[in-house]
Amino acid sequence: MDLDGSGRRGGPVDPDDALRQLLRSLGTDPHHLPGGSPDLANLFRSITADLRLLVLLDDAASAEQVSPLLPGGRSSTVLVTSRHELVSMVALFDARRVHLNVLSEKSSIELLRLVAGPERLAAERESNEGIVDHCGRLPLALRMAAARMGSA
C-alpha cells in the first residue's frame, strides 16, 4: 500500500483511509466498517490475528501513520519503506531498520537498459542522465520510467 509520505499526490494517506482499504481487501463489507481509528485498528488486528500476511507499507510519513496498520498476532511480517527515519518504530515495535542508499549513476543506467532494452537506451542516450536525475536514482522510479520507455 502506497502511503504517500513524500506527498507526491497531495499528502500522506490518512491511517483510517488505509485501514478501510486494507479491511476491504480482506473481504470486510464496507458497509460494516466502524467509523473511527481505534475501532478500525482493532477490527483489522482481530481479523489478521490468525493470518500469515506480508504487509508492504510503502513511503510512510511517520510511525503514527504506520502503527494502526500493523496486523494482529505474531505470524505476519510488515515491510515499511520511508524517506524518514521512523526511529520510534524500532523502540515501540521491535522493528529492524535497514538503511538503503540510492543506486549509483552507473547502476541506474544499467537498470534502465535492462528494463527498457539496450536499443531504446541507445536511442535516448542524451536524455538517460536526465531520467536518472529526475528519478532520484530510486530503483522503483527508474523501473517505471524504463517500462514507459520500453513501451513507447
Protein backbone atom coordinates (compact mmCIF):
# COMPACT_ATOMS: atom_id res chain seq x y z
CA MET A 1 0.00 0.00 0.00
CA ASP A 2 1.38 3.40 -1.00
CA LEU A 3 1.09 5.74 1.99
CA ASP A 4 2.31 8.79 0.02
CA GLY A 5 4.57 10.01 2.83
CA SER A 6 6.55 12.15 0.41
CA GLY A 7 3.37 13.96 -0.67
CA ARG A 8 3.56 13.22 -4.39
CA ARG A 9 -0.22 13.07 -4.63
CA GLY A 10 -1.26 15.63 -2.06
CA GLY A 11 -0.07 14.38 1.28
CA PRO A 12 0.18 11.30 3.46
CA VAL A 13 -2.69 8.82 3.36
CA ASP A 14 -4.85 9.05 6.46
CA PRO A 15 -4.46 5.86 8.57
CA ASP A 16 -8.26 5.48 8.75
CA ASP A 17 -8.47 5.50 4.94
CA ALA A 18 -5.62 2.99 4.73
CA LEU A 19 -7.33 0.75 7.30
CA ARG A 20 -10.59 0.86 5.35
CA GLN A 21 -8.74 -0.15 2.20
CA LEU A 22 -6.91 -2.98 3.99
CA LEU A 23 -10.12 -4.24 5.57
CA ARG A 24 -11.95 -4.19 2.22
CA SER A 25 -9.04 -6.10 0.64
CA LEU A 26 -9.50 -8.75 3.35
CA GLY A 27 -13.16 -9.14 2.37
CA THR A 28 -14.81 -6.95 5.00
CA ASP A 29 -18.10 -5.46 3.84
CA PRO A 30 -17.52 -1.68 3.54
CA HIS A 31 -20.99 -1.07 5.00
CA HIS A 32 -19.97 -2.82 8.22
CA LEU A 33 -16.80 -0.83 8.92
CA PRO A 34 -16.64 1.16 12.16
CA GLY A 35 -16.22 4.91 11.96
CA GLY A 36 -13.11 5.82 13.94
CA SER A 37 -9.44 4.98 14.27
CA PRO A 38 -9.39 2.80 17.37
CA ASP A 39 -12.32 0.68 16.19
CA LEU A 40 -10.91 0.29 12.66
CA ALA A 41 -7.48 -0.67 14.01
CA ASN A 42 -9.00 -3.13 16.49
CA LEU A 43 -11.09 -4.76 13.74
CA PHE A 44 -8.03 -5.02 11.48
CA ARG A 45 -5.96 -6.58 14.24
CA SER A 46 -8.67 -9.06 15.19
CA ILE A 47 -9.20 -10.15 11.56
CA THR A 48 -5.46 -10.56 10.97
CA ALA A 49 -4.58 -12.15 14.33
CA ASP A 50 -4.58 -15.71 12.96
CA LEU A 51 -3.39 -14.94 9.44
CA ARG A 52 0.09 -15.11 7.95
CA LEU A 53 0.46 -11.92 5.95
CA LEU A 54 3.15 -9.91 4.30
CA VAL A 55 2.07 -6.28 4.52
CA LEU A 56 4.01 -3.76 2.46
CA LEU A 57 3.58 -0.16 3.57
CA ASP A 58 5.45 1.99 1.07
CA ASP A 59 6.54 5.60 1.54
CA ALA A 60 5.41 6.04 5.13
CA ALA A 61 5.34 9.55 6.56
CA SER A 62 5.63 8.66 10.25
CA ALA A 63 5.37 5.95 12.86
CA GLU A 64 1.99 7.39 13.81
CA GLN A 65 0.74 6.72 10.28
CA VAL A 66 2.09 3.15 10.31
CA SER A 67 1.25 1.87 13.81
CA PRO A 68 -2.54 1.49 13.28
CA LEU A 69 -1.79 -0.55 10.14
CA LEU A 70 0.14 -3.29 11.91
CA PRO A 71 -1.68 -6.63 11.83
CA GLY A 72 -2.55 -8.59 14.95
CA GLY A 73 -0.82 -11.78 16.01
CA ARG A 74 2.82 -12.69 15.57
CA SER A 75 2.77 -14.64 12.31
CA SER A 76 2.69 -11.66 9.93
CA THR A 77 5.57 -9.62 8.58
CA VAL A 78 5.40 -5.92 7.82
CA LEU A 79 7.83 -4.17 5.50
CA VAL A 80 7.78 -0.38 5.78
CA THR A 81 9.63 1.90 3.40
CA SER A 82 10.14 5.55 4.19
CA ARG A 83 12.31 8.51 3.40
CA HIS A 84 12.05 9.38 7.10
CA GLU A 85 13.87 7.73 9.99
CA LEU A 86 10.84 6.29 11.91
CA VAL A 87 13.08 5.74 14.94
CA SER A 88 10.15 5.10 17.29
CA MET A 89 9.18 2.01 15.27
CA VAL A 90 12.38 0.36 16.50
CA ALA A 91 11.67 1.27 20.11
CA LEU A 92 7.93 0.58 20.18
CA PHE A 93 7.54 -2.39 17.85
CA ASP A 94 10.94 -4.10 17.89
CA ALA A 95 11.40 -3.18 14.24
CA ARG A 96 14.69 -3.55 12.43
CA ARG A 97 16.00 -0.64 10.42
CA VAL A 98 17.83 -1.19 7.16
CA HIS A 99 19.24 1.92 5.53
CA LEU A 100 19.48 1.70 1.74
CA ASN A 101 21.30 4.17 -0.46
CA VAL A 102 20.07 5.18 -3.87
CA LEU A 103 21.68 3.49 -6.87
CA SER A 104 24.87 4.83 -8.37
CA GLU A 105 24.53 6.59 -11.72
CA LYS A 106 26.12 3.60 -13.46
CA SER A 107 23.73 1.13 -11.78
CA SER A 108 20.79 3.43 -12.56
CA ILE A 109 21.65 3.47 -16.27
CA GLU A 110 22.12 -0.31 -16.21
CA LEU A 111 18.66 -0.74 -14.69
CA LEU A 112 17.19 1.47 -17.43
CA ARG A 113 19.00 -0.67 -20.02
CA LEU A 114 17.74 -3.94 -18.55
CA VAL A 115 14.12 -2.84 -18.40
CA ALA A 116 13.76 -0.57 -21.45
CA GLY A 117 16.14 -2.54 -23.65
CA PRO A 118 19.56 -1.62 -24.98
CA GLU A 119 18.22 -0.32 -28.30
CA ARG A 120 15.86 2.11 -26.64
CA LEU A 121 18.53 3.30 -24.25
CA ALA A 122 20.94 3.90 -27.14
CA ALA A 123 18.24 5.88 -28.97
CA GLU A 124 17.67 8.09 -25.93
CA ARG A 125 21.36 8.45 -24.94
CA GLU A 126 21.19 12.23 -24.38
CA SER A 127 18.23 12.00 -22.00
CA ASN A 128 19.36 8.99 -19.94
CA GLU A 129 21.21 11.05 -17.33
CA GLY A 130 18.22 13.40 -17.08
CA ILE A 131 15.90 10.46 -16.49
CA VAL A 132 18.24 9.10 -13.81
CA ASP A 133 18.40 12.51 -12.11
CA HIS A 134 14.63 13.02 -12.34
CA CYS A 135 14.03 9.59 -10.75
CA GLY A 136 16.44 10.40 -7.92
CA ARG A 137 18.28 7.13 -8.69
CA LEU A 138 15.45 5.30 -6.89
CA PRO A 139 15.00 1.75 -8.25
CA LEU A 140 11.20 1.73 -8.45
CA ALA A 141 11.03 5.13 -10.12
CA LEU A 142 13.71 4.05 -12.60
CA ARG A 143 11.85 0.81 -13.39
CA MET A 144 8.64 2.72 -14.02
CA ALA A 145 10.40 5.22 -16.30
CA ALA A 146 12.19 2.40 -18.14
CA ALA A 147 8.94 0.48 -18.60
CA ARG A 148 7.41 3.59 -20.18
CA MET A 149 10.48 3.99 -22.38
CA GLY A 150 10.25 0.38 -23.46
CA SER A 151 6.57 0.61 -24.36
CA ALA A 152 6.79 3.89 -26.29
